[in-house]
């Protein structure tokens, strides 16, 4: 995921720079624009579902607690309390050792893309 994060940011930035600096023909605008939109849609799907995994994993402990597990035998109470304790730590897809995939991380990619793009234009 780390390589995908870096690759996506650089690729989006370079495509945006090519679109801004190339001769503005209809063909270039359609091709570059279509590729940028496809990249953004792909990243949106990845990060949306990764965020949903995190949100749903947080709600597991609440769902287990609401099923009246405390009226069950002692062994079931112990197992369910372990499930509740474990479910308090959210699951998530990691981007290497740096971060977890969430919608905030996706916004970070967009911000990073903008930063790369401005650096490429300034140091051109």
PDB file of N, CA and C in Angstrom:
ATOM      1  N   UNK A   1       0.811  -1.186   0.000  1.00  0.00           N
ATOM      2  CA  UNK A   1       0.000   0.000   0.000  1.00  0.00           C
ATOM      3  C   UNK A   1       0.865   1.265   0.000  1.00  0.00           C
ATOM      4  N   UNK A   2       2.038   1.160   0.627  1.00  0.00           N
ATOM      5  CA  UNK A   2       2.941   2.320   0.650  1.00  0.00           C
ATOM      6  C   UNK A   2       3.359   2.692  -0.774  1.00  0.00           C
ATOM      7  N   UNK A   3       3.729   1.690  -1.560  1.00  0.00           N
ATOM      8  CA  UNK A   3       4.133   1.965  -2.941  1.00  0.00           C
ATOM      9  C   UNK A   3       2.967   2.507  -3.754  1.00  0.00           C
ATOM     10  N   UNK A   4       1.774   1.997  -3.504  1.00  0.00           N
ATOM     11  CA  UNK A   4       0.604   2.505  -4.207  1.00  0.00           C
ATOM     12  C   UNK A   4       0.332   3.950  -3.824  1.00  0.00           C
ATOM     13  N   UNK A   5       0.513   4.282  -2.548  1.00  0.00           N
ATOM     14  CA  UNK A   5       0.326   5.654  -2.072  1.00  0.00           C
ATOM     15  C   UNK A   5       1.281   6.600  -2.780  1.00  0.00           C
ATOM     16  N   UNK A   6       2.573   6.260  -2.805  1.00  0.00           N
ATOM     17  CA  UNK A   6       3.570   7.120  -3.443  1.00  0.00           C
ATOM     18  C   UNK A   6       3.376   7.189  -4.955  1.00  0.00           C
ATOM     19  N   UNK A   7       3.132   6.035  -5.546  1.00  0.00           N
ATOM     20  CA  UNK A   7       2.950   5.977  -6.995  1.00  0.00           C
ATOM     21  C   UNK A   7       1.737   6.776  -7.426  1.00  0.00           C
ATOM     22  N   UNK A   8       0.653   6.669  -6.693  1.00  0.00           N
ATOM     23  CA  UNK A   8      -0.569   7.390  -7.058  1.00  0.00           C
ATOM     24  C   UNK A   8      -0.375   8.891  -6.952  1.00  0.00           C
ATOM     25  N   UNK A   9       0.285   9.341  -5.896  1.00  0.00           N
ATOM     26  CA  UNK A   9       0.516  10.779  -5.737  1.00  0.00           C
ATOM     27  C   UNK A   9       1.376  11.325  -6.871  1.00  0.00           C
ATOM     28  N   UNK A  10       2.473  10.646  -7.178  1.00  0.00           N
ATOM     29  CA  UNK A  10       3.356  11.111  -8.247  1.00  0.00           C
ATOM     30  C   UNK A  10       2.693  11.031  -9.613  1.00  0.00           C
ATOM     31  N   UNK A  11       1.945   9.962  -9.848  1.00  0.00           N
ATOM     32  CA  UNK A  11       1.310   9.809 -11.147  1.00  0.00           C
ATOM     33  C   UNK A  11       0.227  10.859 -11.366  1.00  0.00           C
ATOM     34  N   UNK A  12      -0.581  11.126 -10.348  1.00  0.00           N
ATOM     35  CA  UNK A  12      -1.592  12.168 -10.479  1.00  0.00           C
ATOM     36  C   UNK A  12      -0.950  13.532 -10.700  1.00  0.00           C
ATOM     37  N   UNK A  13       0.127  13.811  -9.970  1.00  0.00           N
ATOM     38  CA  UNK A  13       0.801  15.105 -10.127  1.00  0.00           C
ATOM     39  C   UNK A  13       1.402  15.251 -11.518  1.00  0.00           C
ATOM     40  N   UNK A  14       2.067  14.209 -12.005  1.00  0.00           N
ATOM     41  CA  UNK A  14       2.680  14.317 -13.327  1.00  0.00           C
ATOM     42  C   UNK A  14       1.630  14.430 -14.432  1.00  0.00           C
ATOM     43  N   UNK A  15       0.497  13.746 -14.266  1.00  0.00           N
ATOM     44  CA  UNK A  15      -0.568  13.888 -15.260  1.00  0.00           C
ATOM     45  C   UNK A  15      -1.164  15.286 -15.243  1.00  0.00           C
ATOM     46  N   UNK A  16      -1.343  15.840 -14.062  1.00  0.00           N
ATOM     47  CA  UNK A  16      -1.889  17.197 -13.967  1.00  0.00           C
ATOM     48  C   UNK A  16      -0.924  18.202 -14.580  1.00  0.00           C
ATOM     49  N   UNK A  17       0.377  18.017 -14.340  1.00  0.00           N
ATOM     50  CA  UNK A  17       1.374  18.918 -14.927  1.00  0.00           C
ATOM     51  C   UNK A  17       1.392  18.776 -16.444  1.00  0.00           C
ATOM     52  N   UNK A  18       1.328  17.545 -16.940  1.00  0.00           N
ATOM     53  CA  UNK A  18       1.283  17.349 -18.392  1.00  0.00           C
ATOM     54  C   UNK A  18       0.058  18.015 -18.996  1.00  0.00           C
ATOM     55  N   UNK A  19      -1.059  17.909 -18.294  1.00  0.00           N
ATOM     56  CA  UNK A  19      -2.280  18.525 -18.793  1.00  0.00           C
ATOM     57  C   UNK A  19      -2.157  20.044 -18.812  1.00  0.00           C
ATOM     58  N   UNK A  20      -1.508  20.600 -17.783  1.00  0.00           N
ATOM     59  CA  UNK A  20      -1.366  22.056 -17.714  1.00  0.00           C
ATOM     60  C   UNK A  20      -0.314  22.604 -18.671  1.00  0.00           C
ATOM     61  N   UNK A  21       0.760  21.840 -18.904  1.00  0.00           N
ATOM     62  CA  UNK A  21       1.871  22.361 -19.691  1.00  0.00           C
ATOM     63  C   UNK A  21       1.840  21.955 -21.166  1.00  0.00           C
ATOM     64  N   UNK A  22       1.057  20.950 -21.506  1.00  0.00           N
ATOM     65  CA  UNK A  22       1.036  20.519 -22.900  1.00  0.00           C
ATOM     66  C   UNK A  22       0.127  21.432 -23.722  1.00  0.00           C
ATOM     67  N   UNK A  23       0.227  21.266 -25.009  1.00  0.00           N
ATOM     68  CA  UNK A  23      -0.609  22.063 -25.906  1.00  0.00           C
ATOM     69  C   UNK A  23      -2.067  21.656 -25.677  1.00  0.00           C
ATOM     70  N   UNK A  24      -2.931  22.613 -25.352  1.00  0.00           N
ATOM     71  CA  UNK A  24      -4.308  22.265 -24.975  1.00  0.00           C
ATOM     72  C   UNK A  24      -5.192  21.890 -26.164  1.00  0.00           C
ATOM     73  N   UNK A  25      -5.005  20.664 -26.638  1.00  0.00           N
ATOM     74  CA  UNK A  25      -5.887  20.170 -27.695  1.00  0.00           C
ATOM     75  C   UNK A  25      -7.015  19.377 -27.034  1.00  0.00           C
ATOM     76  N   UNK A  26      -8.066  19.189 -27.759  1.00  0.00           N
ATOM     77  CA  UNK A  26      -9.214  18.426 -27.244  1.00  0.00           C
ATOM     78  C   UNK A  26      -8.786  17.001 -26.913  1.00  0.00           C
ATOM     79  N   UNK A  27      -7.952  16.432 -27.788  1.00  0.00           N
ATOM     80  CA  UNK A  27      -7.486  15.056 -27.579  1.00  0.00           C
ATOM     81  C   UNK A  27      -6.696  14.932 -26.277  1.00  0.00           C
ATOM     82  N   UNK A  28      -5.744  15.857 -26.035  1.00  0.00           N
ATOM     83  CA  UNK A  28      -4.955  15.824 -24.792  1.00  0.00           C
ATOM     84  C   UNK A  28      -5.836  15.995 -23.564  1.00  0.00           C
ATOM     85  N   UNK A  29      -6.758  16.917 -23.619  1.00  0.00           N
ATOM     86  CA  UNK A  29      -7.634  17.157 -22.476  1.00  0.00           C
ATOM     87  C   UNK A  29      -8.478  15.924 -22.175  1.00  0.00           C
ATOM     88  N   UNK A  30      -9.001  15.288 -23.203  1.00  0.00           N
ATOM     89  CA  UNK A  30      -9.829  14.097 -22.988  1.00  0.00           C
ATOM     90  C   UNK A  30      -9.000  12.947 -22.438  1.00  0.00           C
ATOM     91  N   UNK A  31      -7.851  12.677 -23.019  1.00  0.00           N
ATOM     92  CA  UNK A  31      -7.023  11.546 -22.594  1.00  0.00           C
ATOM     93  C   UNK A  31      -6.506  11.748 -21.172  1.00  0.00           C
ATOM     94  N   UNK A  32      -5.878  12.885 -20.909  1.00  0.00           N
ATOM     95  CA  UNK A  32      -5.333  13.137 -19.572  1.00  0.00           C
ATOM     96  C   UNK A  32      -6.434  13.258 -18.526  1.00  0.00           C
ATOM     97  N   UNK A  33      -7.499  13.952 -18.895  1.00  0.00           N
ATOM     98  CA  UNK A  33      -8.608  14.102 -17.957  1.00  0.00           C
ATOM     99  C   UNK A  33      -9.255  12.775 -17.612  1.00  0.00           C
ATOM    100  N   UNK A  34      -9.433  11.919 -18.621  1.00  0.00           N
ATOM    101  CA  UNK A  34     -10.009  10.606 -18.384  1.00  0.00           C
ATOM    102  C   UNK A  34      -9.118   9.769 -17.477  1.00  0.00           C
ATOM    103  N   UNK A  35      -7.828   9.817 -17.689  1.00  0.00           N
ATOM    104  CA  UNK A  35      -6.914   9.035 -16.853  1.00  0.00           C
ATOM    105  C   UNK A  35      -6.901   9.551 -15.416  1.00  0.00           C
ATOM    106  N   UNK A  36      -6.921  10.872 -15.249  1.00  0.00           N
ATOM    107  CA  UNK A  36      -6.951  11.447 -13.902  1.00  0.00           C
ATOM    108  C   UNK A  36      -8.242  11.053 -13.181  1.00  0.00           C
ATOM    109  N   UNK A  37      -9.356  11.108 -13.873  1.00  0.00           N
ATOM    110  CA  UNK A  37     -10.635  10.731 -13.264  1.00  0.00           C
ATOM    111  C   UNK A  37     -10.635   9.251 -12.890  1.00  0.00           C
ATOM    112  N   UNK A  38     -10.103   8.397 -13.753  1.00  0.00           N
ATOM    113  CA  UNK A  38     -10.032   6.966 -13.439  1.00  0.00           C
ATOM    114  C   UNK A  38      -9.139   6.706 -12.229  1.00  0.00           C
ATOM    115  N   UNK A  39      -8.005   7.396 -12.148  1.00  0.00           N
ATOM    116  CA  UNK A  39      -7.124   7.239 -10.983  1.00  0.00           C
ATOM    117  C   UNK A  39      -7.826   7.676  -9.705  1.00  0.00           C
ATOM    118  N   UNK A  40      -8.512   8.811  -9.762  1.00  0.00           N
ATOM    119  CA  UNK A  40      -9.211   9.296  -8.575  1.00  0.00           C
ATOM    120  C   UNK A  40     -10.346   8.362  -8.172  1.00  0.00           C
ATOM    121  N   UNK A  41     -11.060   7.801  -9.128  1.00  0.00           N
ATOM    122  CA  UNK A  41     -12.118   6.840  -8.807  1.00  0.00           C
ATOM    123  C   UNK A  41     -11.554   5.566  -8.179  1.00  0.00           C
ATOM    124  N   UNK A  42     -10.442   5.080  -8.721  1.00  0.00           N
ATOM    125  CA  UNK A  42      -9.807   3.881  -8.169  1.00  0.00           C
ATOM    126  C   UNK A  42      -9.373   4.122  -6.729  1.00  0.00           C
ATOM    127  N   UNK A  43      -8.727   5.254  -6.493  1.00  0.00           N
ATOM    128  CA  UNK A  43      -8.290   5.579  -5.134  1.00  0.00           C
ATOM    129  C   UNK A  43      -9.475   5.791  -4.199  1.00  0.00           C
ATOM    130  N   UNK A  44     -10.538   6.410  -4.705  1.00  0.00           N
ATOM    131  CA  UNK A  44     -11.723   6.610  -3.876  1.00  0.00           C
ATOM    132  C   UNK A  44     -12.305   5.278  -3.435  1.00  0.00           C
ATOM    133  N   UNK A  45     -12.381   4.323  -4.339  1.00  0.00           N
ATOM    134  CA  UNK A  45     -12.908   3.000  -3.984  1.00  0.00           C
ATOM    135  C   UNK A  45     -12.012   2.330  -2.951  1.00  0.00           C
ATOM    136  N   UNK A  46     -10.701   2.325  -3.143  1.00  0.00           N
ATOM    137  CA  UNK A  46      -9.782   1.717  -2.170  1.00  0.00           C
ATOM    138  C   UNK A  46      -9.952   2.325  -0.785  1.00  0.00           C
ATOM    139  N   UNK A  47      -9.888   3.628  -0.731  1.00  0.00           N
ATOM    140  CA  UNK A  47      -9.878   4.298   0.567  1.00  0.00           C
ATOM    141  C   UNK A  47     -11.263   4.334   1.207  1.00  0.00           C
ATOM    142  N   UNK A  48     -12.328   4.347   0.408  1.00  0.00           N
ATOM    143  CA  UNK A  48     -13.672   4.297   0.958  1.00  0.00           C
ATOM    144  C   UNK A  48     -13.893   2.969   1.686  1.00  0.00           C
ATOM    145  N   UNK A  49     -13.558   1.856   1.031  1.00  0.00           N
ATOM    146  CA  UNK A  49     -13.781   0.553   1.650  1.00  0.00           C
ATOM    147  C   UNK A  49     -12.826   0.297   2.805  1.00  0.00           C
ATOM    148  N   UNK A  50     -11.623   0.803   2.723  1.00  0.00           N
ATOM    149  CA  UNK A  50     -10.708   0.684   3.863  1.00  0.00           C
ATOM    150  C   UNK A  50     -11.253   1.456   5.059  1.00  0.00           C
ATOM    151  N   UNK A  51     -11.841   2.609   4.813  1.00  0.00           N
ATOM    152  CA  UNK A  51     -12.454   3.389   5.885  1.00  0.00           C
ATOM    153  C   UNK A  51     -13.672   2.655   6.456  1.00  0.00           C
ATOM    154  N   UNK A  52     -14.461   2.014   5.604  1.00  0.00           N
ATOM    155  CA  UNK A  52     -15.622   1.260   6.067  1.00  0.00           C
ATOM    156  C   UNK A  52     -15.215   0.071   6.923  1.00  0.00           C
ATOM    157  N   UNK A  53     -14.105  -0.586   6.585  1.00  0.00           N
ATOM    158  CA  UNK A  53     -13.601  -1.686   7.406  1.00  0.00           C
ATOM    159  C   UNK A  53     -13.292  -1.174   8.806  1.00  0.00           C
ATOM    160  N   UNK A  54     -12.658  -0.024   8.894  1.00  0.00           N
ATOM    161  CA  UNK A  54     -12.312   0.539  10.191  1.00  0.00           C
ATOM    162  C   UNK A  54     -13.569   0.911  10.991  1.00  0.00           C
ATOM    163  N   UNK A  55     -14.521   1.555  10.337  1.00  0.00           N
ATOM    164  CA  UNK A  55     -15.745   1.982  11.030  1.00  0.00           C
ATOM    165  C   UNK A  55     -16.543   0.773  11.521  1.00  0.00           C
ATOM    166  N   UNK A  56     -16.700  -0.230  10.675  1.00  0.00           N
ATOM    167  CA  UNK A  56     -17.462  -1.409  11.066  1.00  0.00           C
ATOM    168  C   UNK A  56     -16.762  -2.203  12.162  1.00  0.00           C
ATOM    169  N   UNK A  57     -15.435  -2.250  12.146  1.00  0.00           N
ATOM    170  CA  UNK A  57     -14.729  -2.990  13.187  1.00  0.00           C
ATOM    171  C   UNK A  57     -14.874  -2.320  14.549  1.00  0.00           C
ATOM    172  N   UNK A  58     -15.033  -1.007  14.566  1.00  0.00           N
ATOM    173  CA  UNK A  58     -15.241  -0.299  15.820  1.00  0.00           C
ATOM    174  C   UNK A  58     -16.621  -0.620  16.396  1.00  0.00           C
ATOM    175  N   UNK A  59     -17.593  -0.857  15.533  1.00  0.00           N
ATOM    176  CA  UNK A  59     -18.956  -1.117  15.979  1.00  0.00           C
ATOM    177  C   UNK A  59     -19.185  -2.556  16.441  1.00  0.00           C
ATOM    178  N   UNK A  60     -18.211  -3.438  16.282  1.00  0.00           N
ATOM    179  CA  UNK A  60     -18.362  -4.831  16.690  1.00  0.00           C
ATOM    180  C   UNK A  60     -18.571  -4.939  18.190  1.00  0.00           C
ATOM    181  N   UNK A  61     -17.798  -4.222  18.959  1.00  0.00           N
ATOM    182  CA  UNK A  61     -17.918  -4.337  20.420  1.00  0.00           C
ATOM    183  C   UNK A  61     -19.293  -3.873  20.892  1.00  0.00           C
ATOM    184  N   UNK A  62     -19.839  -2.844  20.296  1.00  0.00           N
ATOM    185  CA  UNK A  62     -21.180  -2.383  20.668  1.00  0.00           C
ATOM    186  C   UNK A  62     -22.239  -3.427  20.320  1.00  0.00           C
ATOM    187  N   UNK A  63     -22.100  -4.043  19.168  1.00  0.00           N
ATOM    188  CA  UNK A  63     -23.064  -5.059  18.749  1.00  0.00           C
ATOM    189  C   UNK A  63     -23.020  -6.277  19.659  1.00  0.00           C
ATOM    190  N   UNK A  64     -21.828  -6.694  20.059  1.00  0.00           N
ATOM    191  CA  UNK A  64     -21.703  -7.851  20.954  1.00  0.00           C
ATOM    192  C   UNK A  64     -22.273  -7.518  22.321  1.00  0.00           C
ATOM    193  N   UNK A  65     -22.014  -6.326  22.815  1.00  0.00           N
ATOM    194  CA  UNK A  65     -22.514  -5.941  24.129  1.00  0.00           C
ATOM    195  C   UNK A  65     -24.040  -5.886  24.148  1.00  0.00           C
ATOM    196  N   UNK A  66     -24.657  -5.474  23.064  1.00  0.00           N
ATOM    197  CA  UNK A  66     -26.109  -5.332  23.010  1.00  0.00           C
ATOM    198  C   UNK A  66     -26.851  -6.655  22.857  1.00  0.00           C
ATOM    199  N   UNK A  67     -26.162  -7.771  22.672  1.00  0.00           N
ATOM    200  CA  UNK A  67     -26.837  -9.054  22.477  1.00  0.00           C
ATOM    201  C   UNK A  67     -27.112  -9.779  23.793  1.00  0.00           C
ATOM    202  N   UNK A  68     -27.031  -9.107  24.910  1.00  0.00           N
ATOM    203  CA  UNK A  68     -27.316  -9.647  26.250  1.00  0.00           C
ATOM    204  C   UNK A  68     -26.466 -10.879  26.572  1.00  0.00           C
ATOM    205  N   UNK A  69     -25.199 -10.787  26.316  1.00  0.00           N
ATOM    206  CA  UNK A  69     -24.270 -11.870  26.595  1.00  0.00           C
ATOM    207  C   UNK A  69     -24.088 -12.095  28.089  1.00  0.00           C
ATOM    208  N   UNK A  70     -24.397 -11.098  28.877  1.00  0.00           N
ATOM    209  CA  UNK A  70     -24.201 -11.182  30.331  1.00  0.00           C
ATOM    210  C   UNK A  70     -25.227 -12.097  30.999  1.00  0.00           C
ATOM    211  N   UNK A  71     -26.250 -12.552  30.284  1.00  0.00           N
ATOM    212  CA  UNK A  71     -27.219 -13.505  30.825  1.00  0.00           C
ATOM    213  C   UNK A  71     -26.850 -14.947  30.500  1.00  0.00           C
ATOM    214  N   UNK A  72     -25.746 -15.155  29.865  1.00  0.00           N
ATOM    215  CA  UNK A  72     -25.300 -16.485  29.446  1.00  0.00           C
ATOM    216  C   UNK A  72     -24.447 -17.140  30.537  1.00  0.00           C
ATOM    217  N   UNK A  73     -24.076 -18.426  30.337  1.00  0.00           N
ATOM    218  CA  UNK A  73     -23.203 -19.098  31.321  1.00  0.00           C
ATOM    219  C   UNK A  73     -21.839 -18.415  31.439  1.00  0.00           C
ATOM    220  N   UNK A  74     -21.116 -18.761  32.490  1.00  0.00           N
ATOM    221  CA  UNK A  74     -19.851 -18.112  32.817  1.00  0.00           C
ATOM    222  C   UNK A  74     -18.825 -18.217  31.682  1.00  0.00           C
ATOM    223  N   UNK A  75     -18.709 -19.383  31.066  1.00  0.00           N
ATOM    224  CA  UNK A  75     -17.724 -19.559  29.991  1.00  0.00           C
ATOM    225  C   UNK A  75     -18.043 -18.647  28.795  1.00  0.00           C
ATOM    226  N   UNK A  76     -19.311 -18.491  28.462  1.00  0.00           N
ATOM    227  CA  UNK A  76     -19.710 -17.611  27.364  1.00  0.00           C
ATOM    228  C   UNK A  76     -19.414 -16.161  27.729  1.00  0.00           C
ATOM    229  N   UNK A  77     -19.644 -15.802  28.994  1.00  0.00           N
ATOM    230  CA  UNK A  77     -19.344 -14.436  29.445  1.00  0.00           C
ATOM    231  C   UNK A  77     -17.866 -14.111  29.263  1.00  0.00           C
ATOM    232  N   UNK A  78     -17.006 -15.070  29.617  1.00  0.00           N
ATOM    233  CA  UNK A  78     -15.563 -14.844  29.464  1.00  0.00           C
ATOM    234  C   UNK A  78     -15.187 -14.659  27.990  1.00  0.00           C
ATOM    235  N   UNK A  79     -15.703 -15.530  27.142  1.00  0.00           N
ATOM    236  CA  UNK A  79     -15.377 -15.434  25.718  1.00  0.00           C
ATOM    237  C   UNK A  79     -15.898 -14.141  25.100  1.00  0.00           C
ATOM    238  N   UNK A  80     -17.103 -13.775  25.466  1.00  0.00           N
ATOM    239  CA  UNK A  80     -17.667 -12.546  24.908  1.00  0.00           C
ATOM    240  C   UNK A  80     -16.948 -11.305  25.427  1.00  0.00           C
ATOM    241  N   UNK A  81     -16.511 -11.332  26.667  1.00  0.00           N
ATOM    242  CA  UNK A  81     -15.748 -10.185  27.169  1.00  0.00           C
ATOM    243  C   UNK A  81     -14.405 -10.069  26.447  1.00  0.00           C
ATOM    244  N   UNK A  82     -13.802 -11.216  26.085  1.00  0.00           N
ATOM    245  CA  UNK A  82     -12.574 -11.171  25.281  1.00  0.00           C
ATOM    246  C   UNK A  82     -12.838 -10.599  23.888  1.00  0.00           C
ATOM    247  N   UNK A  83     -13.980 -10.955  23.300  1.00  0.00           N
ATOM    248  CA  UNK A  83     -14.338 -10.415  21.991  1.00  0.00           C
ATOM    249  C   UNK A  83     -14.520  -8.902  22.083  1.00  0.00           C
ATOM    250  N   UNK A  84     -15.190  -8.451  23.141  1.00  0.00           N
ATOM    251  CA  UNK A  84     -15.417  -7.011  23.312  1.00  0.00           C
ATOM    252  C   UNK A  84     -14.088  -6.278  23.499  1.00  0.00           C
ATOM    253  N   UNK A  85     -13.190  -6.856  24.301  1.00  0.00           N
ATOM    254  CA  UNK A  85     -11.887  -6.219  24.517  1.00  0.00           C
ATOM    255  C   UNK A  85     -11.089  -6.144  23.220  1.00  0.00           C
ATOM    256  N   UNK A  86     -11.095  -7.231  22.453  1.00  0.00           N
ATOM    257  CA  UNK A  86     -10.337  -7.246  21.195  1.00  0.00           C
ATOM    258  C   UNK A  86     -10.940  -6.297  20.163  1.00  0.00           C
ATOM    259  N   UNK A  87     -12.264  -6.188  20.173  1.00  0.00           N
ATOM    260  CA  UNK A  87     -12.934  -5.356  19.171  1.00  0.00           C
ATOM    261  C   UNK A  87     -12.779  -3.866  19.450  1.00  0.00           C
ATOM    262  N   UNK A  88     -12.252  -3.490  20.588  1.00  0.00           N
ATOM    263  CA  UNK A  88     -12.045  -2.069  20.873  1.00  0.00           C
ATOM    264  C   UNK A  88     -10.879  -1.490  20.078  1.00  0.00           C
ATOM    265  N   UNK A  89     -10.003  -2.346  19.579  1.00  0.00           N
ATOM    266  CA  UNK A  89      -8.920  -1.902  18.692  1.00  0.00           C
ATOM    267  C   UNK A  89      -9.412  -1.999  17.257  1.00  0.00           C
ATOM    268  N   UNK A  90      -9.461  -0.900  16.534  1.00  0.00           N
ATOM    269  CA  UNK A  90     -10.016  -0.963  15.175  1.00  0.00           C
ATOM    270  C   UNK A  90      -9.094  -1.690  14.207  1.00  0.00           C
ATOM    271  N   UNK A  91      -9.708  -2.378  13.264  1.00  0.00           N
ATOM    272  CA  UNK A  91      -8.967  -2.998  12.167  1.00  0.00           C
ATOM    273  C   UNK A  91      -8.705  -1.946  11.107  1.00  0.00           C
ATOM    274  N   UNK A  92      -7.707  -2.153  10.306  1.00  0.00           N
ATOM    275  CA  UNK A  92      -7.440  -1.211   9.229  1.00  0.00           C
ATOM    276  C   UNK A  92      -6.404  -1.753   8.274  1.00  0.00           C
ATOM    277  N   UNK A  93      -6.421  -1.239   7.072  1.00  0.00           N
ATOM    278  CA  UNK A  93      -5.410  -1.570   6.079  1.00  0.00           C
ATOM    279  C   UNK A  93      -4.291  -0.548   6.194  1.00  0.00           C
ATOM    280  N   UNK A  94      -3.067  -1.030   6.300  1.00  0.00           N
ATOM    281  CA  UNK A  94      -1.932  -0.148   6.535  1.00  0.00           C
ATOM    282  C   UNK A  94      -1.250   0.272   5.238  1.00  0.00           C
ATOM    283  N   UNK A  95      -0.684   1.473   5.272  1.00  0.00           N
ATOM    284  CA  UNK A  95       0.173   1.965   4.195  1.00  0.00           C
ATOM    285  C   UNK A  95       1.594   1.842   4.719  1.00  0.00           C
ATOM    286  N   UNK A  96       2.155   0.675   4.598  1.00  0.00           N
ATOM    287  CA  UNK A  96       3.487   0.432   5.144  1.00  0.00           C
ATOM    288  C   UNK A  96       3.492   0.688   6.634  1.00  0.00           C
ATOM    289  N   UNK A  97       4.596   1.141   7.177  1.00  0.00           N
ATOM    290  CA  UNK A  97       4.651   1.415   8.618  1.00  0.00           C
ATOM    291  C   UNK A  97       4.168   2.820   8.969  1.00  0.00           C
ATOM    292  N   UNK A  98       3.634   3.561   8.003  1.00  0.00           N
ATOM    293  CA  UNK A  98       3.357   4.971   8.212  1.00  0.00           C
ATOM    294  C   UNK A  98       1.944   5.287   8.670  1.00  0.00           C
ATOM    295  N   UNK A  99       0.952   4.749   8.010  1.00  0.00           N
ATOM    296  CA  UNK A  99      -0.414   5.177   8.279  1.00  0.00           C
ATOM    297  C   UNK A  99      -1.402   4.082   7.924  1.00  0.00           C
ATOM    298  N   UNK A 100      -2.658   4.341   8.239  1.00  0.00           N
ATOM    299  CA  UNK A 100      -3.747   3.436   7.913  1.00  0.00           C
ATOM    300  C   UNK A 100      -4.602   4.084   6.826  1.00  0.00           C
ATOM    301  N   UNK A 101      -5.136   3.250   5.945  1.00  0.00           N
ATOM    302  CA  UNK A 101      -5.958   3.771   4.860  1.00  0.00           C
ATOM    303  C   UNK A 101      -7.295   4.252   5.406  1.00  0.00           C
ATOM    304  N   UNK A 102      -7.549   5.543   5.311  1.00  0.00           N
ATOM    305  CA  UNK A 102      -8.830   6.139   5.665  1.00  0.00           C
ATOM    306  C   UNK A 102      -9.131   7.231   4.646  1.00  0.00           C
ATOM    307  N   UNK A 103     -10.289   7.826   4.780  1.00  0.00           N
ATOM    308  CA  UNK A 103     -10.613   8.928   3.873  1.00  0.00           C
ATOM    309  C   UNK A 103      -9.714  10.136   4.122  1.00  0.00           C
ATOM    310  N   UNK A 104      -9.248  10.296   5.360  1.00  0.00           N
ATOM    311  CA  UNK A 104      -8.293  11.378   5.638  1.00  0.00           C
ATOM    312  C   UNK A 104      -6.976  11.149   4.903  1.00  0.00           C
ATOM    313  N   UNK A 105      -6.566   9.896   4.801  1.00  0.00           N
ATOM    314  CA  UNK A 105      -5.346   9.582   4.060  1.00  0.00           C
ATOM    315  C   UNK A 105      -5.540   9.873   2.574  1.00  0.00           C
ATOM    316  N   UNK A 106      -6.732   9.588   2.073  1.00  0.00           N
ATOM    317  CA  UNK A 106      -7.034   9.898   0.674  1.00  0.00           C
ATOM    318  C   UNK A 106      -6.930  11.395   0.426  1.00  0.00           C
ATOM    319  N   UNK A 107      -7.440  12.187   1.351  1.00  0.00           N
ATOM    320  CA  UNK A 107      -7.292  13.635   1.219  1.00  0.00           C
ATOM    321  C   UNK A 107      -5.826  14.036   1.278  1.00  0.00           C
ATOM    322  N   UNK A 108      -5.029  13.301   2.051  1.00  0.00           N
ATOM    323  CA  UNK A 108      -3.588  13.546   2.084  1.00  0.00           C
ATOM    324  C   UNK A 108      -2.948  13.292   0.733  1.00  0.00           C
ATOM    325  N   UNK A 109      -3.417  12.269   0.019  1.00  0.00           N
ATOM    326  CA  UNK A 109      -2.899  11.989  -1.324  1.00  0.00           C
ATOM    327  C   UNK A 109      -3.217  13.156  -2.252  1.00  0.00           C
ATOM    328  N   UNK A 110      -4.423  13.662  -2.158  1.00  0.00           N
ATOM    329  CA  UNK A 110      -4.807  14.779  -3.017  1.00  0.00           C
ATOM    330  C   UNK A 110      -3.962  16.008  -2.693  1.00  0.00           C
ATOM    331  N   UNK A 111      -3.733  16.271  -1.406  1.00  0.00           N
ATOM    332  CA  UNK A 111      -2.901  17.409  -1.012  1.00  0.00           C
ATOM    333  C   UNK A 111      -1.456  17.219  -1.462  1.00  0.00           C
ATOM    334  N   UNK A 112      -0.946  15.988  -1.328  1.00  0.00           N
ATOM    335  CA  UNK A 112       0.418  15.686  -1.765  1.00  0.00           C
ATOM    336  C   UNK A 112       0.540  15.851  -3.272  1.00  0.00           C
ATOM    337  N   UNK A 113      -0.483  15.410  -3.995  1.00  0.00           N
ATOM    338  CA  UNK A 113      -0.489  15.574  -5.443  1.00  0.00           C
ATOM    339  C   UNK A 113      -0.400  17.044  -5.822  1.00  0.00           C
ATOM    340  N   UNK A 114      -1.152  17.868  -5.133  1.00  0.00           N
ATOM    341  CA  UNK A 114      -1.113  19.311  -5.403  1.00  0.00           C
ATOM    342  C   UNK A 114       0.277  19.879  -5.106  1.00  0.00           C
ATOM    343  N   UNK A 115       0.893  19.417  -4.010  1.00  0.00           N
ATOM    344  CA  UNK A 115       2.238  19.895  -3.667  1.00  0.00           C
ATOM    345  C   UNK A 115       3.256  19.479  -4.724  1.00  0.00           C
ATOM    346  N   UNK A 116       3.205  18.194  -5.153  1.00  0.00           N
ATOM    347  CA  UNK A 116       4.112  17.731  -6.203  1.00  0.00           C
ATOM    348  C   UNK A 116       3.901  18.542  -7.475  1.00  0.00           C
ATOM    349  N   UNK A 117       2.644  18.788  -7.798  1.00  0.00           N
ATOM    350  CA  UNK A 117       2.333  19.502  -9.025  1.00  0.00           C
ATOM    351  C   UNK A 117       2.892  20.924  -8.991  1.00  0.00           C
ATOM    352  N   UNK A 118       2.740  21.606  -7.880  1.00  0.00           N
ATOM    353  CA  UNK A 118       3.278  22.968  -7.805  1.00  0.00           C
ATOM    354  C   UNK A 118       4.799  22.964  -7.833  1.00  0.00           C
ATOM    355  N   UNK A 119       5.426  21.974  -7.214  1.00  0.00           N
ATOM    356  CA  UNK A 119       6.894  21.880  -7.271  1.00  0.00           C
ATOM    357  C   UNK A 119       7.363  21.632  -8.695  1.00  0.00           C
ATOM    358  N   UNK A 120       6.653  20.757  -9.432  1.00  0.00           N
ATOM    359  CA  UNK A 120       7.042  20.469 -10.802  1.00  0.00           C
ATOM    360  C   UNK A 120       6.906  21.696 -11.689  1.00  0.00           C
ATOM    361  N   UNK A 121       5.875  22.493 -11.459  1.00  0.00           N
ATOM    362  CA  UNK A 121       5.663  23.687 -12.268  1.00  0.00           C
ATOM    363  C   UNK A 121       6.684  24.758 -11.908  1.00  0.00           C
ATOM    364  N   UNK A 122       6.964  24.931 -10.633  1.00  0.00           N
ATOM    365  CA  UNK A 122       7.899  25.968 -10.190  1.00  0.00           C
ATOM    366  C   UNK A 122       9.314  25.647 -10.638  1.00  0.00           C
ATOM    367  N   UNK A 123       9.748  24.399 -10.508  1.00  0.00           N
ATOM    368  CA  UNK A 123      11.123  24.023 -10.857  1.00  0.00           C
ATOM    369  C   UNK A 123      11.251  23.517 -12.276  1.00  0.00           C
ATOM    370  N   UNK A 124      10.323  23.847 -13.116  1.00  0.00           N
ATOM    371  CA  UNK A 124      10.345  23.416 -14.514  1.00  0.00           C
ATOM    372  C   UNK A 124      11.383  24.142 -15.269  1.00  0.00           C
TER     373      UNK A 124
END
